[in-house]
């Protein structure tokens, strides 16, 4: 094992330990009653180490995709398809990547988001940032500026995506995520 492999494994193990300690504390005390110092202590790391892994405690439960991930999703769809269809299909491709263990973890995070008013508000910020990544990927892919109507549609689909995740979390995962997603996207069809 090389030195960089060892460091990478150590980084990943510490990252996971912080994440697990935080999720345990959030489940026991609620998100708003837990601070970064408690999370660091629960993971047996320093507060600076916590911040080396997560920009804030919100980022433990709310994870932004990367621009590269959004561009890769866009690349799975024919750019000649109507934008509504592309956006719906992109969501399906994204969800298909989640195995049962991933879904359990994501549901736990979205239950925390759904139960915390400040995180519900913050989710809207994350959805707008993700919409900007998608819009930016479309501009890069098509080599032209995005029409205002297309930018609005991307934002609407991201809002529907967030709404579907919240509905799934509110049902405690009893409803299928694909079902809540279909309902959210169908609501946009009439607009």
Protein backbone atom coordinates (compact mmCIF):
# COMPACT_ATOMS: atom_id res chain seq x y z
CA UNK A 1 0.00 0.00 0.00
CA UNK A 2 1.37 3.38 -0.96
CA UNK A 3 1.51 6.33 1.37
CA UNK A 4 -1.24 8.11 -0.61
CA UNK A 5 -3.48 5.00 -0.42
CA UNK A 6 -3.03 4.90 3.34
CA UNK A 7 -3.84 8.61 3.65
CA UNK A 8 -6.88 8.25 1.45
CA UNK A 9 -8.21 5.34 3.50
CA UNK A 10 -7.53 7.21 6.73
CA UNK A 11 -9.33 10.30 5.36
CA UNK A 12 -12.32 8.19 4.29
CA UNK A 13 -12.49 6.41 7.65
CA UNK A 14 -12.39 9.71 9.54
CA UNK A 15 -15.01 11.22 7.23
CA UNK A 16 -17.31 8.25 7.81
CA UNK A 17 -16.72 8.33 11.57
CA UNK A 18 -17.70 12.02 11.71
CA UNK A 19 -20.76 11.35 9.58
CA UNK A 20 -21.91 8.41 11.73
CA UNK A 21 -21.36 10.31 14.99
CA UNK A 22 -23.35 13.27 13.66
CA UNK A 23 -26.24 11.15 12.41
CA UNK A 24 -26.41 9.35 15.77
CA UNK A 25 -26.45 12.65 17.65
CA UNK A 26 -29.06 14.14 15.31
CA UNK A 27 -31.29 11.09 15.84
CA UNK A 28 -30.92 11.28 19.62
CA UNK A 29 -31.16 15.04 20.17
CA UNK A 30 -32.47 16.64 16.98
CA UNK A 31 -30.42 18.53 14.44
CA UNK A 32 -30.76 21.97 16.01
CA UNK A 33 -29.67 20.81 19.49
CA UNK A 34 -26.36 19.36 18.28
CA UNK A 35 -23.30 21.53 17.70
CA UNK A 36 -20.07 20.91 15.82
CA UNK A 37 -18.12 20.47 19.07
CA UNK A 38 -20.42 17.63 20.12
CA UNK A 39 -20.07 15.97 16.72
CA UNK A 40 -16.27 16.26 16.84
CA UNK A 41 -16.18 14.82 20.36
CA UNK A 42 -18.51 11.97 19.32
CA UNK A 43 -16.18 11.14 16.43
CA UNK A 44 -13.02 11.56 18.55
CA UNK A 45 -11.66 14.31 16.30
CA UNK A 46 -10.87 17.98 16.79
CA UNK A 47 -13.20 20.74 15.64
CA UNK A 48 -10.66 21.79 12.94
CA UNK A 49 -10.67 18.18 11.69
CA UNK A 50 -14.46 18.32 11.49
CA UNK A 51 -14.22 21.45 9.32
CA UNK A 52 -11.58 19.82 7.13
CA UNK A 53 -14.21 17.21 6.25
CA UNK A 54 -17.46 19.22 6.26
CA UNK A 55 -17.94 22.97 5.69
CA UNK A 56 -20.80 22.96 8.23
CA UNK A 57 -23.04 20.56 10.09
CA UNK A 58 -25.71 21.20 7.43
CA UNK A 59 -23.42 19.62 4.83
CA UNK A 60 -23.56 16.34 6.73
CA UNK A 61 -27.23 15.90 5.86
CA UNK A 62 -27.38 18.08 2.75
CA UNK A 63 -24.88 17.02 0.16
CA UNK A 64 -24.53 19.01 -3.04
CA UNK A 65 -23.75 17.13 -6.22
CA UNK A 66 -20.80 18.31 -8.26
CA UNK A 67 -20.99 20.14 -11.57
CA UNK A 68 -19.22 17.14 -13.11
CA UNK A 69 -21.97 14.81 -11.84
CA UNK A 70 -24.62 17.06 -13.36
CA UNK A 71 -22.78 17.21 -16.68
CA UNK A 72 -22.46 13.42 -16.67
CA UNK A 73 -26.21 13.12 -16.09
CA UNK A 74 -26.93 15.51 -18.94
CA UNK A 75 -24.69 13.43 -21.18
CA UNK A 76 -26.96 10.40 -20.62
CA UNK A 77 -29.75 12.14 -22.52
CA UNK A 78 -30.13 13.15 -26.16
CA UNK A 79 -29.97 16.95 -26.29
CA UNK A 80 -32.64 16.85 -29.00
CA UNK A 81 -35.26 15.61 -26.53
CA UNK A 82 -37.70 18.17 -25.13
CA UNK A 83 -36.26 19.73 -21.98
CA UNK A 84 -39.08 18.44 -19.74
CA UNK A 85 -38.36 14.89 -20.84
CA UNK A 86 -34.61 15.28 -20.39
CA UNK A 87 -35.04 16.63 -16.87
CA UNK A 88 -37.42 13.84 -15.90
CA UNK A 89 -35.08 11.21 -17.31
CA UNK A 90 -32.07 12.76 -15.58
CA UNK A 91 -33.87 12.40 -12.25
CA UNK A 92 -34.61 8.74 -13.04
CA UNK A 93 -30.95 8.09 -13.87
CA UNK A 94 -29.88 9.81 -10.63
CA UNK A 95 -32.31 7.74 -8.54
CA UNK A 96 -31.31 4.51 -10.28
CA UNK A 97 -27.78 4.98 -8.93
CA UNK A 98 -29.05 4.60 -5.36
CA UNK A 99 -28.92 1.06 -4.03
CA UNK A 100 -30.97 -0.07 -1.00
CA UNK A 101 -28.25 0.96 1.48
CA UNK A 102 -27.90 4.36 -0.20
CA UNK A 103 -31.65 4.89 -0.07
CA UNK A 104 -31.74 4.07 3.63
CA UNK A 105 -28.98 6.59 4.28
CA UNK A 106 -30.57 9.24 2.06
CA UNK A 107 -33.95 8.70 3.71
CA UNK A 108 -32.37 9.21 7.15
CA UNK A 109 -30.85 12.49 5.99
CA UNK A 110 -34.07 13.71 4.36
CA UNK A 111 -36.08 12.85 7.48
CA UNK A 112 -33.78 15.21 9.39
CA UNK A 113 -34.20 17.87 6.70
CA UNK A 114 -37.99 17.44 6.70
CA UNK A 115 -38.13 17.75 10.49
CA UNK A 116 -35.96 20.88 10.66
CA UNK A 117 -37.50 24.12 9.33
CA UNK A 118 -34.11 25.80 8.83
CA UNK A 119 -32.92 22.83 6.75
CA UNK A 120 -36.07 22.89 4.62
CA UNK A 121 -35.18 26.48 3.77
CA UNK A 122 -31.57 25.56 3.15
CA UNK A 123 -32.71 22.74 0.83
CA UNK A 124 -34.16 25.41 -1.45
CA UNK A 125 -30.70 27.03 -1.64
CA UNK A 126 -29.13 23.69 -2.53
CA UNK A 127 -31.78 23.04 -5.21
CA UNK A 128 -31.09 26.44 -6.82
CA UNK A 129 -27.35 25.73 -6.80
CA UNK A 130 -27.98 22.35 -8.43
CA UNK A 131 -30.27 23.98 -11.01
CA UNK A 132 -27.43 26.39 -11.85
CA UNK A 133 -25.10 23.42 -12.34
CA UNK A 134 -27.58 21.77 -14.69
CA UNK A 135 -28.14 25.02 -16.58
CA UNK A 136 -24.39 25.55 -16.82
CA UNK A 137 -23.96 22.02 -18.12
CA UNK A 138 -26.62 22.61 -20.75
CA UNK A 139 -24.88 25.79 -21.89
CA UNK A 140 -21.54 23.97 -22.11
CA UNK A 141 -23.15 21.05 -23.93
CA UNK A 142 -25.07 23.13 -26.44
CA UNK A 143 -22.60 25.98 -26.78
CA UNK A 144 -25.30 28.63 -26.51
CA UNK A 145 -26.87 30.69 -23.79
CA UNK A 146 -29.87 29.23 -22.00
CA UNK A 147 -33.26 30.73 -22.75
CA UNK A 148 -34.99 32.24 -19.73
CA UNK A 149 -37.91 29.83 -20.14
CA UNK A 150 -35.50 26.87 -20.02
CA UNK A 151 -33.77 28.23 -16.90
CA UNK A 152 -37.18 28.60 -15.24
CA UNK A 153 -38.07 25.03 -16.20
CA UNK A 154 -34.81 23.66 -14.76
CA UNK A 155 -35.50 25.51 -11.49
CA UNK A 156 -39.08 24.22 -11.41
CA UNK A 157 -37.95 20.62 -11.89
CA UNK A 158 -35.37 20.98 -9.13
CA UNK A 159 -38.05 22.39 -6.81
CA UNK A 160 -40.27 19.42 -7.70
CA UNK A 161 -37.35 17.04 -7.05
CA UNK A 162 -36.85 18.54 -3.58
CA UNK A 163 -40.59 18.43 -2.91
CA UNK A 164 -40.64 14.73 -3.83
CA UNK A 165 -37.75 13.96 -1.48
CA UNK A 166 -39.52 15.81 1.33
CA UNK A 167 -42.79 13.93 0.65
CA UNK A 168 -40.84 10.65 0.70
CA UNK A 169 -39.22 11.62 4.02
CA UNK A 170 -42.53 12.81 5.47
CA UNK A 171 -43.97 9.36 4.71
CA UNK A 172 -40.95 7.84 6.48
CA UNK A 173 -40.12 6.01 3.27
CA UNK A 174 -43.45 4.17 3.20
CA UNK A 175 -44.24 5.70 -0.17
CA UNK A 176 -41.92 4.83 -3.03
CA UNK A 177 -39.57 7.65 -3.93
CA UNK A 178 -40.28 7.12 -7.63
CA UNK A 179 -43.98 7.56 -6.89
CA UNK A 180 -43.48 10.89 -5.11
CA UNK A 181 -41.12 11.98 -7.91
CA UNK A 182 -43.65 11.08 -10.62
CA UNK A 183 -46.38 13.02 -8.77
CA UNK A 184 -44.15 16.08 -8.44
CA UNK A 185 -43.13 16.04 -12.09
CA UNK A 186 -46.71 15.39 -13.26
CA UNK A 187 -47.80 18.52 -11.39
CA UNK A 188 -45.42 20.48 -13.64
CA UNK A 189 -46.93 19.07 -16.83
CA UNK A 190 -50.04 21.18 -16.47
CA UNK A 191 -48.09 24.42 -16.23
